[in-house]
């Protein structure tokens, strides 16, 4: 478990450094769109693996759930930088740019829910994981409902 924490911390540092560099790398709107879509794809994949456990579709493995929750929490900080002015497009609705304060609040709520899910997963208490998963899922749904094209 200690090695896993070291690996996750190292990965977080690399991603944070890369995230700063990523801002400068969006030479074209398409680059930003691909970046945020890729990040959301990985988040969705890891979140889905936790969901399968929460729904009873997959056996509970504390280490796997903790690993996936750590990935969700870590990556939850990344896609937002790719929603700058001039990056409109993809599945994003124009409200992201016209009501940026609401979008920013929704993104912050999602990030906090991802941190809470990670804490619950690290504790290993399945009931806490289920509760935190539900709350995190609601933040995702809220953002999809308000800011994602149907």
N, C-alpha and C. Protein backbone atom coordinates (compact mmCIF):
# COMPACT_ATOMS: atom_id res chain seq x y z
N UNK A 1 0.83 -1.18 0.00
CA UNK A 1 0.00 0.00 0.00
C UNK A 1 0.88 1.25 0.00
N UNK A 2 2.00 1.21 0.73
CA UNK A 2 2.89 2.36 0.77
C UNK A 2 3.47 2.63 -0.62
N UNK A 3 3.83 1.57 -1.34
CA UNK A 3 4.35 1.72 -2.69
C UNK A 3 3.29 2.33 -3.60
N UNK A 4 2.04 1.90 -3.42
CA UNK A 4 0.95 2.44 -4.24
C UNK A 4 0.82 3.95 -3.99
N UNK A 5 0.93 4.39 -2.74
CA UNK A 5 0.83 5.81 -2.43
C UNK A 5 1.98 6.59 -3.05
N UNK A 6 3.17 6.01 -3.04
CA UNK A 6 4.33 6.67 -3.64
C UNK A 6 4.14 6.79 -5.15
N UNK A 7 3.65 5.72 -5.76
CA UNK A 7 3.40 5.75 -7.20
C UNK A 7 2.33 6.78 -7.54
N UNK A 8 1.25 6.81 -6.76
CA UNK A 8 0.19 7.78 -7.02
C UNK A 8 0.68 9.20 -6.82
N UNK A 9 1.47 9.44 -5.80
CA UNK A 9 2.01 10.78 -5.56
C UNK A 9 2.94 11.19 -6.70
N UNK A 10 3.77 10.27 -7.14
CA UNK A 10 4.67 10.57 -8.26
C UNK A 10 3.88 10.86 -9.53
N UNK A 11 2.85 10.07 -9.76
CA UNK A 11 2.01 10.29 -10.94
C UNK A 11 1.32 11.64 -10.86
N UNK A 12 0.86 12.01 -9.67
CA UNK A 12 0.20 13.31 -9.50
C UNK A 12 1.14 14.45 -9.83
N UNK A 13 2.38 14.34 -9.40
CA UNK A 13 3.37 15.38 -9.69
C UNK A 13 3.60 15.49 -11.19
N UNK A 14 3.78 14.36 -11.84
CA UNK A 14 4.01 14.35 -13.29
C UNK A 14 2.80 14.95 -14.01
N UNK A 15 1.59 14.56 -13.60
CA UNK A 15 0.39 15.09 -14.24
C UNK A 15 0.24 16.58 -13.98
N UNK A 16 0.56 17.03 -12.79
CA UNK A 16 0.46 18.46 -12.49
C UNK A 16 1.43 19.27 -13.34
N UNK A 17 2.63 18.77 -13.48
CA UNK A 17 3.60 19.46 -14.34
C UNK A 17 3.13 19.43 -15.78
N UNK A 18 2.66 18.28 -16.20
CA UNK A 18 2.15 18.15 -17.57
C UNK A 18 0.92 19.02 -17.80
N UNK A 19 0.09 19.18 -16.78
CA UNK A 19 -1.10 20.00 -16.92
C UNK A 19 -0.73 21.45 -17.17
N UNK A 20 0.26 21.94 -16.46
CA UNK A 20 0.72 23.30 -16.68
C UNK A 20 1.25 23.48 -18.09
N UNK A 21 1.97 22.51 -18.56
CA UNK A 21 2.51 22.57 -19.92
C UNK A 21 1.39 22.40 -20.94
N UNK A 22 0.34 21.67 -20.57
CA UNK A 22 -0.75 21.43 -21.50
C UNK A 22 -1.46 22.72 -21.89
N UNK A 23 -1.56 23.66 -20.96
CA UNK A 23 -2.22 24.92 -21.27
C UNK A 23 -1.55 25.58 -22.46
N UNK A 24 -0.24 25.58 -22.45
CA UNK A 24 0.50 26.21 -23.53
C UNK A 24 0.46 25.38 -24.81
N UNK A 25 0.11 24.12 -24.71
CA UNK A 25 0.13 23.24 -25.87
C UNK A 25 -1.14 23.29 -26.70
N UNK A 26 -2.17 23.97 -26.24
CA UNK A 26 -3.41 24.02 -26.99
C UNK A 26 -3.29 25.06 -28.10
N UNK A 27 -2.58 24.67 -29.14
CA UNK A 27 -2.38 25.56 -30.28
C UNK A 27 -3.66 25.71 -31.09
N UNK A 28 -4.49 24.67 -31.04
CA UNK A 28 -5.75 24.67 -31.79
C UNK A 28 -6.87 24.24 -30.85
N UNK A 29 -8.07 24.74 -31.08
CA UNK A 29 -9.20 24.32 -30.24
C UNK A 29 -9.36 22.80 -30.22
N UNK A 30 -9.07 22.15 -31.35
CA UNK A 30 -9.22 20.69 -31.42
C UNK A 30 -8.32 19.98 -30.41
N UNK A 31 -7.15 20.57 -30.15
CA UNK A 31 -6.23 19.98 -29.17
C UNK A 31 -6.84 20.01 -27.77
N UNK A 32 -7.46 21.13 -27.42
CA UNK A 32 -8.09 21.25 -26.11
C UNK A 32 -9.27 20.29 -25.99
N UNK A 33 -10.04 20.20 -27.07
CA UNK A 33 -11.20 19.29 -27.05
C UNK A 33 -10.75 17.85 -26.87
N UNK A 34 -9.74 17.42 -27.60
CA UNK A 34 -9.22 16.05 -27.46
C UNK A 34 -8.69 15.81 -26.05
N UNK A 35 -7.99 16.79 -25.51
CA UNK A 35 -7.41 16.68 -24.16
C UNK A 35 -8.52 16.45 -23.13
N UNK A 36 -9.53 17.32 -23.14
CA UNK A 36 -10.58 17.18 -22.11
C UNK A 36 -11.40 15.92 -22.33
N UNK A 37 -11.67 15.55 -23.59
CA UNK A 37 -12.42 14.33 -23.84
C UNK A 37 -11.64 13.10 -23.38
N UNK A 38 -10.35 13.10 -23.62
CA UNK A 38 -9.51 11.97 -23.19
C UNK A 38 -9.49 11.86 -21.68
N UNK A 39 -9.38 12.99 -21.01
CA UNK A 39 -9.37 12.98 -19.55
C UNK A 39 -10.69 12.44 -19.01
N UNK A 40 -11.80 12.93 -19.56
CA UNK A 40 -13.11 12.45 -19.11
C UNK A 40 -13.31 10.98 -19.42
N UNK A 41 -12.73 10.48 -20.50
CA UNK A 41 -12.84 9.06 -20.84
C UNK A 41 -12.16 8.21 -19.77
N UNK A 42 -10.97 8.60 -19.36
CA UNK A 42 -10.25 7.84 -18.33
C UNK A 42 -10.99 7.93 -16.99
N UNK A 43 -11.48 9.13 -16.66
CA UNK A 43 -12.26 9.28 -15.43
C UNK A 43 -13.47 8.34 -15.49
N UNK A 44 -14.18 8.37 -16.59
CA UNK A 44 -15.38 7.54 -16.74
C UNK A 44 -15.08 6.05 -16.64
N UNK A 45 -13.95 5.64 -17.18
CA UNK A 45 -13.57 4.23 -17.11
C UNK A 45 -13.33 3.81 -15.67
N UNK A 46 -12.56 4.60 -14.94
CA UNK A 46 -12.27 4.24 -13.54
C UNK A 46 -13.52 4.36 -12.68
N UNK A 47 -14.32 5.39 -12.93
CA UNK A 47 -15.57 5.57 -12.18
C UNK A 47 -16.51 4.40 -12.45
N UNK A 48 -16.56 3.95 -13.69
CA UNK A 48 -17.41 2.82 -14.05
C UNK A 48 -17.00 1.53 -13.35
N UNK A 49 -15.71 1.34 -13.16
CA UNK A 49 -15.24 0.14 -12.44
C UNK A 49 -15.70 0.17 -10.99
N UNK A 50 -15.71 1.34 -10.38
CA UNK A 50 -16.22 1.47 -9.01
C UNK A 50 -17.73 1.24 -9.02
N UNK A 51 -18.39 1.79 -10.03
CA UNK A 51 -19.84 1.63 -10.14
C UNK A 51 -20.26 0.18 -10.23
N UNK A 52 -19.49 -0.62 -10.94
CA UNK A 52 -19.81 -2.04 -11.05
C UNK A 52 -19.78 -2.71 -9.67
N UNK A 53 -18.85 -2.30 -8.84
CA UNK A 53 -18.76 -2.85 -7.47
C UNK A 53 -19.95 -2.36 -6.65
N UNK A 54 -20.22 -1.06 -6.72
CA UNK A 54 -21.31 -0.47 -5.95
C UNK A 54 -22.65 -1.11 -6.32
N UNK A 55 -22.84 -1.43 -7.59
CA UNK A 55 -24.10 -2.04 -8.06
C UNK A 55 -24.13 -3.55 -7.84
N UNK A 56 -23.04 -4.13 -7.34
CA UNK A 56 -23.00 -5.56 -7.10
C UNK A 56 -22.73 -6.37 -8.36
N UNK A 57 -22.30 -5.70 -9.41
CA UNK A 57 -22.01 -6.40 -10.67
C UNK A 57 -20.59 -6.95 -10.72
N UNK A 58 -19.76 -6.50 -9.81
CA UNK A 58 -18.37 -6.96 -9.72
C UNK A 58 -18.04 -7.16 -8.25
N UNK A 59 -17.17 -8.12 -7.95
CA UNK A 59 -16.81 -8.35 -6.54
C UNK A 59 -16.03 -7.16 -5.97
N UNK A 60 -16.21 -6.93 -4.68
CA UNK A 60 -15.51 -5.84 -4.01
C UNK A 60 -14.07 -6.24 -3.74
N UNK A 61 -13.15 -5.48 -4.31
CA UNK A 61 -11.74 -5.64 -4.06
C UNK A 61 -11.24 -4.28 -3.60
N UNK A 62 -10.95 -4.17 -2.32
CA UNK A 62 -10.59 -2.89 -1.72
C UNK A 62 -9.47 -2.19 -2.47
N UNK A 63 -8.44 -2.91 -2.84
CA UNK A 63 -7.30 -2.30 -3.51
C UNK A 63 -7.67 -1.76 -4.89
N UNK A 64 -8.49 -2.50 -5.62
CA UNK A 64 -8.91 -2.05 -6.96
C UNK A 64 -9.80 -0.81 -6.87
N UNK A 65 -10.73 -0.82 -5.94
CA UNK A 65 -11.60 0.34 -5.76
C UNK A 65 -10.76 1.55 -5.34
N UNK A 66 -9.84 1.36 -4.42
CA UNK A 66 -8.98 2.46 -3.96
C UNK A 66 -8.14 3.00 -5.12
N UNK A 67 -7.62 2.11 -5.95
CA UNK A 67 -6.80 2.54 -7.09
C UNK A 67 -7.64 3.37 -8.06
N UNK A 68 -8.83 2.89 -8.37
CA UNK A 68 -9.68 3.61 -9.32
C UNK A 68 -10.18 4.94 -8.74
N UNK A 69 -10.48 4.96 -7.47
CA UNK A 69 -10.91 6.22 -6.84
C UNK A 69 -9.77 7.24 -6.82
N UNK A 70 -8.55 6.78 -6.62
CA UNK A 70 -7.39 7.68 -6.64
C UNK A 70 -7.20 8.26 -8.04
N UNK A 71 -7.43 7.45 -9.05
CA UNK A 71 -7.32 7.93 -10.44
C UNK A 71 -8.38 8.99 -10.71
N UNK A 72 -9.61 8.72 -10.29
CA UNK A 72 -10.70 9.69 -10.49
C UNK A 72 -10.36 11.01 -9.79
N UNK A 73 -9.92 10.93 -8.55
CA UNK A 73 -9.60 12.15 -7.80
C UNK A 73 -8.46 12.92 -8.46
N UNK A 74 -7.45 12.21 -8.87
CA UNK A 74 -6.29 12.86 -9.48
C UNK A 74 -6.66 13.52 -10.80
N UNK A 75 -7.37 12.80 -11.64
CA UNK A 75 -7.70 13.33 -12.96
C UNK A 75 -8.82 14.37 -12.93
N UNK A 76 -9.58 14.40 -11.85
CA UNK A 76 -10.70 15.35 -11.76
C UNK A 76 -10.23 16.81 -11.81
N UNK A 77 -8.97 17.04 -11.59
CA UNK A 77 -8.44 18.41 -11.60
C UNK A 77 -7.98 18.85 -13.00
N UNK A 78 -7.90 17.93 -13.94
CA UNK A 78 -7.25 18.23 -15.22
C UNK A 78 -8.11 18.79 -16.35
N UNK A 79 -9.32 18.35 -16.59
CA UNK A 79 -9.99 18.76 -17.84
C UNK A 79 -10.36 20.24 -17.91
N UNK A 80 -10.48 20.90 -16.79
CA UNK A 80 -11.04 22.25 -16.74
C UNK A 80 -10.18 23.28 -17.48
N UNK A 81 -8.89 23.09 -17.49
CA UNK A 81 -8.01 24.03 -18.18
C UNK A 81 -8.23 24.00 -19.69
N UNK A 82 -8.85 22.97 -20.18
CA UNK A 82 -9.07 22.83 -21.61
C UNK A 82 -10.41 23.42 -22.05
N UNK A 83 -11.04 24.22 -21.18
CA UNK A 83 -12.29 24.88 -21.50
C UNK A 83 -12.10 26.39 -21.63
N UNK A 84 -10.92 26.81 -22.02
CA UNK A 84 -10.65 28.23 -22.17
C UNK A 84 -11.39 28.83 -23.35
N UNK A 85 -11.39 30.16 -23.40
CA UNK A 85 -11.99 30.85 -24.54
C UNK A 85 -11.34 30.37 -25.83
N UNK A 86 -12.15 30.19 -26.82
CA UNK A 86 -11.64 29.73 -28.11
C UNK A 86 -11.55 28.23 -28.24
N UNK A 87 -12.00 27.50 -27.20
CA UNK A 87 -11.94 26.03 -27.26
C UNK A 87 -13.34 25.43 -27.36
N UNK A 88 -14.30 26.23 -27.78
CA UNK A 88 -15.66 25.76 -27.92
C UNK A 88 -15.71 24.60 -28.91
N UNK A 89 -16.63 23.69 -28.66
CA UNK A 89 -16.81 22.58 -29.57
C UNK A 89 -16.88 21.26 -28.85
N UNK A 90 -16.85 20.21 -29.61
CA UNK A 90 -16.99 18.88 -29.04
C UNK A 90 -18.39 18.70 -28.48
N UNK A 91 -18.48 18.07 -27.32
CA UNK A 91 -19.79 17.83 -26.70
C UNK A 91 -20.17 18.94 -25.74
N UNK A 92 -19.34 19.98 -25.67
CA UNK A 92 -19.57 21.07 -24.72
C UNK A 92 -20.61 22.05 -25.24
N UNK A 93 -21.56 22.40 -24.36
CA UNK A 93 -22.55 23.42 -24.70
C UNK A 93 -21.94 24.81 -24.53
N UNK A 94 -22.50 25.77 -25.23
CA UNK A 94 -21.99 27.14 -25.16
C UNK A 94 -22.16 27.76 -23.78
N UNK A 95 -23.05 27.20 -22.94
CA UNK A 95 -23.26 27.73 -21.58
C UNK A 95 -21.97 27.69 -20.75
N UNK A 96 -21.06 26.81 -21.10
CA UNK A 96 -19.78 26.73 -20.39
C UNK A 96 -19.07 28.08 -20.45
N UNK A 97 -19.15 28.72 -21.58
CA UNK A 97 -18.47 29.99 -21.77
C UNK A 97 -19.35 31.17 -21.44
N UNK A 98 -20.67 31.04 -21.66
CA UNK A 98 -21.57 32.17 -21.37
C UNK A 98 -21.93 32.25 -19.89
N UNK A 99 -21.90 31.14 -19.17
CA UNK A 99 -22.17 31.11 -17.73
C UNK A 99 -21.01 30.39 -17.04
N UNK A 100 -19.83 30.96 -17.22
CA UNK A 100 -18.61 30.31 -16.73
C UNK A 100 -18.60 30.16 -15.21
N UNK A 101 -19.22 31.08 -14.48
CA UNK A 101 -19.23 30.97 -13.01
C UNK A 101 -19.97 29.71 -12.58
N UNK A 102 -21.09 29.42 -13.23
CA UNK A 102 -21.85 28.21 -12.91
C UNK A 102 -21.05 26.96 -13.27
N UNK A 103 -20.39 27.00 -14.41
CA UNK A 103 -19.58 25.87 -14.84
C UNK A 103 -18.41 25.65 -13.88
N UNK A 104 -17.76 26.73 -13.48
CA UNK A 104 -16.63 26.62 -12.54
C UNK A 104 -17.11 26.03 -11.21
N UNK A 105 -18.26 26.48 -10.73
CA UNK A 105 -18.81 25.95 -9.47
C UNK A 105 -19.11 24.45 -9.60
N UNK A 106 -19.65 24.06 -10.75
CA UNK A 106 -19.96 22.64 -10.97
C UNK A 106 -18.67 21.82 -11.01
N UNK A 107 -17.63 22.35 -11.65
CA UNK A 107 -16.37 21.61 -11.73
C UNK A 107 -15.74 21.46 -10.35
N UNK A 108 -15.83 22.50 -9.54
CA UNK A 108 -15.28 22.44 -8.19
C UNK A 108 -16.05 21.44 -7.32
N UNK A 109 -17.36 21.41 -7.49
CA UNK A 109 -18.19 20.46 -6.75
C UNK A 109 -17.81 19.02 -7.13
N UNK A 110 -17.58 18.80 -8.41
CA UNK A 110 -17.19 17.46 -8.88
C UNK A 110 -15.84 17.06 -8.30
N UNK A 111 -14.90 17.99 -8.28
CA UNK A 111 -13.58 17.69 -7.76
C UNK A 111 -13.64 17.35 -6.27
N UNK A 112 -14.44 18.09 -5.52
CA UNK A 112 -14.59 17.79 -4.08
C UNK A 112 -15.24 16.42 -3.88
N UNK A 113 -16.23 16.10 -4.70
CA UNK A 113 -16.88 14.79 -4.59
C UNK A 113 -15.90 13.67 -4.93
N UNK A 114 -15.01 13.93 -5.89
CA UNK A 114 -14.00 12.92 -6.25
C UNK A 114 -13.03 12.71 -5.09
N UNK A 115 -12.67 13.77 -4.41
CA UNK A 115 -11.79 13.65 -3.24
C UNK A 115 -12.50 12.86 -2.13
N UNK A 116 -13.78 13.15 -1.91
CA UNK A 116 -14.54 12.41 -0.90
C UNK A 116 -14.64 10.93 -1.26
N UNK A 117 -14.85 10.63 -2.53
CA UNK A 117 -14.89 9.23 -2.98
C UNK A 117 -13.55 8.56 -2.73
N UNK A 118 -12.49 9.26 -3.01
CA UNK A 118 -11.16 8.71 -2.78
C UNK A 118 -10.93 8.42 -1.29
N UNK A 119 -11.33 9.34 -0.44
CA UNK A 119 -11.20 9.13 1.01
C UNK A 119 -11.99 7.91 1.46
N UNK A 120 -13.22 7.80 0.97
CA UNK A 120 -14.06 6.65 1.34
C UNK A 120 -13.42 5.35 0.85
N UNK A 121 -12.91 5.37 -0.37
CA UNK A 121 -12.29 4.17 -0.92
C UNK A 121 -11.04 3.78 -0.15
N UNK A 122 -10.27 4.76 0.26
CA UNK A 122 -9.06 4.47 1.04
C UNK A 122 -9.41 3.88 2.40
N UNK A 123 -10.58 4.26 2.95
CA UNK A 123 -10.99 3.71 4.25
C UNK A 123 -11.38 2.24 4.12
N UNK A 124 -11.87 1.87 2.94
CA UNK A 124 -12.25 0.48 2.72
C UNK A 124 -13.67 0.15 3.15
N UNK A 125 -14.41 1.12 3.69
CA UNK A 125 -15.78 0.88 4.13
C UNK A 125 -16.72 0.96 2.94
N UNK A 126 -17.28 -0.18 2.54
CA UNK A 126 -18.09 -0.25 1.34
C UNK A 126 -19.32 0.65 1.40
N UNK A 127 -19.94 0.75 2.55
CA UNK A 127 -21.12 1.63 2.67
C UNK A 127 -20.73 3.09 2.45
N UNK A 128 -19.59 3.50 2.97
CA UNK A 128 -19.10 4.87 2.73
C UNK A 128 -18.77 5.09 1.26
N UNK A 129 -18.22 4.06 0.65
CA UNK A 129 -17.90 4.13 -0.78
C UNK A 129 -19.17 4.31 -1.59
N UNK A 130 -20.19 3.54 -1.27
CA UNK A 130 -21.46 3.64 -1.99
C UNK A 130 -22.05 5.04 -1.87
N UNK A 131 -22.02 5.58 -0.67
CA UNK A 131 -22.58 6.92 -0.44
C UNK A 131 -21.77 7.97 -1.22
N UNK A 132 -20.46 7.90 -1.14
CA UNK A 132 -19.61 8.86 -1.83
C UNK A 132 -19.71 8.70 -3.34
N UNK A 133 -19.86 7.47 -3.81
CA UNK A 133 -20.02 7.21 -5.23
C UNK A 133 -21.31 7.86 -5.74
N UNK A 134 -22.37 7.71 -4.99
CA UNK A 134 -23.65 8.32 -5.38
C UNK A 134 -23.55 9.84 -5.46
N UNK A 135 -22.89 10.43 -4.48
CA UNK A 135 -22.72 11.89 -4.47
C UNK A 135 -21.87 12.35 -5.65
N UNK A 136 -20.80 11.62 -5.93
CA UNK A 136 -19.94 11.97 -7.06
C UNK A 136 -20.70 11.81 -8.37
N UNK A 137 -21.45 10.75 -8.47
CA UNK A 137 -22.25 10.52 -9.68
C UNK A 137 -23.25 11.64 -9.92
N UNK A 138 -23.82 12.18 -8.86
CA UNK A 138 -24.77 13.29 -9.00
C UNK A 138 -24.07 14.54 -9.53
N UNK A 139 -22.83 14.77 -9.12
CA UNK A 139 -22.12 15.95 -9.64
C UNK A 139 -21.82 15.76 -11.12
N UNK A 140 -21.48 14.55 -11.52
CA UNK A 140 -21.24 14.28 -12.94
C UNK A 140 -22.53 14.49 -13.74
N UNK A 141 -23.62 13.93 -13.24
CA UNK A 141 -24.90 14.04 -13.93
C UNK A 141 -25.32 15.50 -14.04
N UNK A 142 -25.15 16.26 -12.98
CA UNK A 142 -25.54 17.67 -13.00
C UNK A 142 -24.79 18.45 -14.07
N UNK A 143 -23.50 18.19 -14.18
CA UNK A 143 -22.70 18.87 -15.19
C UNK A 143 -23.10 18.41 -16.59
N UNK A 144 -23.33 17.13 -16.76
CA UNK A 144 -23.76 16.62 -18.06
C UNK A 144 -25.11 17.23 -18.45
N UNK A 145 -26.02 17.30 -17.49
CA UNK A 145 -27.35 17.86 -17.77
C UNK A 145 -27.27 19.33 -18.18
N UNK A 146 -26.41 20.08 -17.51
CA UNK A 146 -26.33 21.51 -17.74
C UNK A 146 -25.37 21.93 -18.85
N UNK A 147 -24.32 21.16 -19.08
CA UNK A 147 -23.24 21.65 -19.93
C UNK A 147 -22.80 20.72 -21.06
N UNK A 148 -23.44 19.58 -21.21
CA UNK A 148 -23.04 18.64 -22.26
C UNK A 148 -24.16 18.52 -23.28
N UNK A 149 -23.80 18.55 -24.55
CA UNK A 149 -24.79 18.40 -25.60
C UNK A 149 -25.41 17.02 -25.51
N UNK A 150 -26.67 16.97 -25.78
CA UNK A 150 -27.41 15.69 -25.71
C UNK A 150 -27.12 14.84 -26.91
